[in-house]
C-alpha atoms as a PDB file:
ATOM      1  CA  MET A   1      52.399 -14.250  -2.702  1.00  0.00           C
ATOM      2  CA  SER A   2      54.528 -12.923   0.052  1.00  0.00           C
ATOM      3  CA  ALA A   3      54.405 -13.992   3.691  1.00  0.00           C
ATOM      4  CA  PRO A   4      52.936 -11.635   6.314  1.00  0.00           C
ATOM      5  CA  ILE A   5      55.379  -9.321   8.022  1.00  0.00           C
ATOM      6  CA  GLN A   6      56.536 -10.457  11.466  1.00  0.00           C
ATOM      7  CA  THR A   7      56.212  -7.588  13.952  1.00  0.00           C
ATOM      8  CA  GLY A   8      57.590  -9.238  17.059  1.00  0.00           C
ATOM      9  CA  LYS A   9      54.523  -8.390  19.165  1.00  0.00           C
ATOM     10  CA  GLN A  10      52.822 -11.207  20.977  1.00  0.00           C
ATOM     11  CA  PRO A  11      49.036 -11.648  20.537  1.00  0.00           C
ATOM     12  CA  VAL A  12      46.889 -10.730  23.536  1.00  0.00           C
ATOM     13  CA  LYS A  13      44.614 -13.413  24.953  1.00  0.00           C
ATOM     14  CA  LEU A  14      41.399 -11.844  26.168  1.00  0.00           C
ATOM     15  CA  ALA A  15      39.830 -14.965  27.652  1.00  0.00           C
ATOM     16  CA  PRO A  16      41.448 -17.863  29.475  1.00  0.00           C
ATOM     17  CA  ASN A  17      40.693 -20.446  26.774  1.00  0.00           C
ATOM     18  CA  GLY A  18      41.160 -18.126  23.851  1.00  0.00           C
ATOM     19  CA  VAL A  19      37.383 -17.729  23.410  1.00  0.00           C
ATOM     20  CA  ARG A  20      36.187 -14.181  23.649  1.00  0.00           C
ATOM     21  CA  VAL A  21      32.780 -13.727  25.254  1.00  0.00           C
ATOM     22  CA  SER A  22      30.846 -10.555  24.642  1.00  0.00           C
ATOM     23  CA  ARG A  23      29.851  -8.803  27.853  1.00  0.00           C
ATOM     24  CA  ILE A  24      27.370  -6.473  26.178  1.00  0.00           C
ATOM     25  CA  ARG A  25      23.835  -7.366  27.191  1.00  0.00           C
ATOM     26  CA  ARG A  26      21.386  -7.103  24.360  1.00  0.00           C
ATOM     27  CA  ASP A  27      17.656  -7.580  24.088  1.00  0.00           C
ATOM     28  CA  PRO A  28      16.620 -10.738  22.301  1.00  0.00           C
ATOM     29  CA  PRO A  29      15.509 -10.217  18.707  1.00  0.00           C
ATOM     30  CA  PRO A  30      11.813  -9.419  18.332  1.00  0.00           C
ATOM     31  CA  ILE A  31       9.439 -12.199  17.392  1.00  0.00           C
ATOM     32  CA  ALA A  32       8.895 -12.205  13.652  1.00  0.00           C
ATOM     33  CA  ARG A  33       5.367 -11.263  12.693  1.00  0.00           C
ATOM     34  CA  LYS A  34       3.492 -13.415  10.258  1.00  0.00           C
ATOM     35  CA  THR A  35       2.806 -11.490   7.095  1.00  0.00           C
ATOM     36  CA  VAL A  36      -0.649 -11.879   5.653  1.00  0.00           C
ATOM     37  CA  VAL A  37      -0.634 -12.185   1.890  1.00  0.00           C
ATOM     38  CA  PRO A  38      -3.937 -10.942   0.457  1.00  0.00           C
ATOM     39  CA  ASP A  39      -5.779 -13.219  -1.930  1.00  0.00           C
ATOM     40  CA  ARG A  40      -5.087 -12.220  -5.513  1.00  0.00           C
ATOM     41  CA  ASP A  41      -8.710 -12.741  -6.616  1.00  0.00           C
ATOM     42  CA  GLU A  42     -10.042 -10.407  -3.910  1.00  0.00           C
ATOM     43  CA  THR A  43      -7.457  -7.783  -4.797  1.00  0.00           C
ATOM     44  CA  ASP A  44      -8.376  -8.001  -8.481  1.00  0.00           C
ATOM     45  CA  GLN A  45     -12.095  -7.765  -7.708  1.00  0.00           C
ATOM     46  CA  ARG A  46     -11.558  -4.645  -5.609  1.00  0.00           C
ATOM     47  CA  ALA A  47      -9.447  -3.092  -8.343  1.00  0.00           C
ATOM     48  CA  VAL A  48     -12.184  -3.767 -10.920  1.00  0.00           C
ATOM     49  CA  VAL A  49     -14.904  -2.273  -8.705  1.00  0.00           C
ATOM     50  CA  ILE A  50     -12.819   0.823  -7.985  1.00  0.00           C
ATOM     51  CA  GLY A  51     -12.007   1.199 -11.681  1.00  0.00           C
ATOM     52  CA  VAL A  52     -15.654   0.923 -12.749  1.00  0.00           C
ATOM     53  CA  LEU A  53     -16.742   3.451 -10.116  1.00  0.00           C
ATOM     54  CA  ALA A  54     -13.977   5.868 -11.095  1.00  0.00           C
ATOM     55  CA  PHE A  55     -14.877   5.567 -14.788  1.00  0.00           C
ATOM     56  CA  THR A  56     -18.584   6.106 -14.010  1.00  0.00           C
ATOM     57  CA  LEU A  57     -17.767   9.176 -11.945  1.00  0.00           C
ATOM     58  CA  ALA A  58     -15.576  10.562 -14.738  1.00  0.00           C
ATOM     59  CA  ILE A  59     -18.370  10.062 -17.321  1.00  0.00           C
ATOM     60  CA  LEU A  60     -20.886  11.733 -14.972  1.00  0.00           C
ATOM     61  CA  VAL A  61     -18.615  14.746 -14.465  1.00  0.00           C
ATOM     62  CA  ALA A  62     -18.058  15.001 -18.222  1.00  0.00           C
ATOM     63  CA  ILE A  63     -21.807  14.896 -18.942  1.00  0.00           C
ATOM     64  CA  ILE A  64     -22.545  17.545 -16.304  1.00  0.00           C
ATOM     65  CA  GLY A  65     -19.705  19.710 -17.607  1.00  0.00           C
ATOM     66  CA  ILE A  66     -20.869  19.468 -21.225  1.00  0.00           C
ATOM     67  CA  SER A  67     -24.474  20.159 -20.275  1.00  0.00           C
ATOM     68  CA  ALA A  68     -23.444  23.188 -18.202  1.00  0.00           C
ATOM     69  CA  THR A  69     -21.419  24.690 -21.040  1.00  0.00           C
ATOM     70  CA  SER A  70     -24.171  24.095 -23.596  1.00  0.00           C
ATOM     71  CA  GLY A  71     -26.687  26.083 -21.545  1.00  0.00           C
ATOM     72  CA  TRP A  72     -28.947  23.190 -20.548  1.00  0.00           C
ATOM     73  CA  SER A  73     -30.149  23.056 -16.964  1.00  0.00           C
ATOM     74  CA  LEU A  74     -32.195  20.605 -14.948  1.00  0.00           C
ATOM     75  CA  ARG A  75     -34.532  23.495 -14.041  1.00  0.00           C
ATOM     76  CA  GLN A  76     -35.772  23.513 -17.624  1.00  0.00           C
ATOM     77  CA  VAL A  77     -37.292  20.055 -17.223  1.00  0.00           C
ATOM     78  CA  THR A  78     -40.936  19.984 -16.136  1.00  0.00           C
ATOM     79  CA  LEU A  79     -42.209  16.911 -14.368  1.00  0.00           C
ATOM     80  CA  GLU A  80     -45.957  16.305 -14.553  1.00  0.00           C
ATOM     81  CA  VAL A  81     -47.534  13.834 -12.155  1.00  0.00           C
ATOM     82  CA  ASP A  82     -50.864  12.220 -13.031  1.00  0.00           C
ATOM     83  CA  ASP A  83     -52.791  11.556  -9.841  1.00  0.00           C
ATOM     84  CA  SER A  84     -55.558   9.541 -11.449  1.00  0.00           C
ATOM     85  CA  GLY A  85     -54.353   6.263  -9.932  1.00  0.00           C
ATOM     86  CA  THR A  86     -53.980   4.357 -13.212  1.00  0.00           C
ATOM     87  CA  TYR A  87     -50.653   3.480 -14.619  1.00  0.00           C
END
């Protein structure tokens, strides 16, 4: 390796002891927030419940869609109520 080139300029001392002190005033860093890590079991349980509800809703929409295209309607069903009091 070669030695650095000598320029003849003298270095400038910015502080009396050679220690440079920054004069820029800055705000202190913000206090770090504690991150809350959710419990894995609770997250999995919520995912399962949401998945089951979404699947149920999809099946319900499919059944209603198939019944609507086949010509069946809920109006065709007759409900008879027996008011005799015996079950």
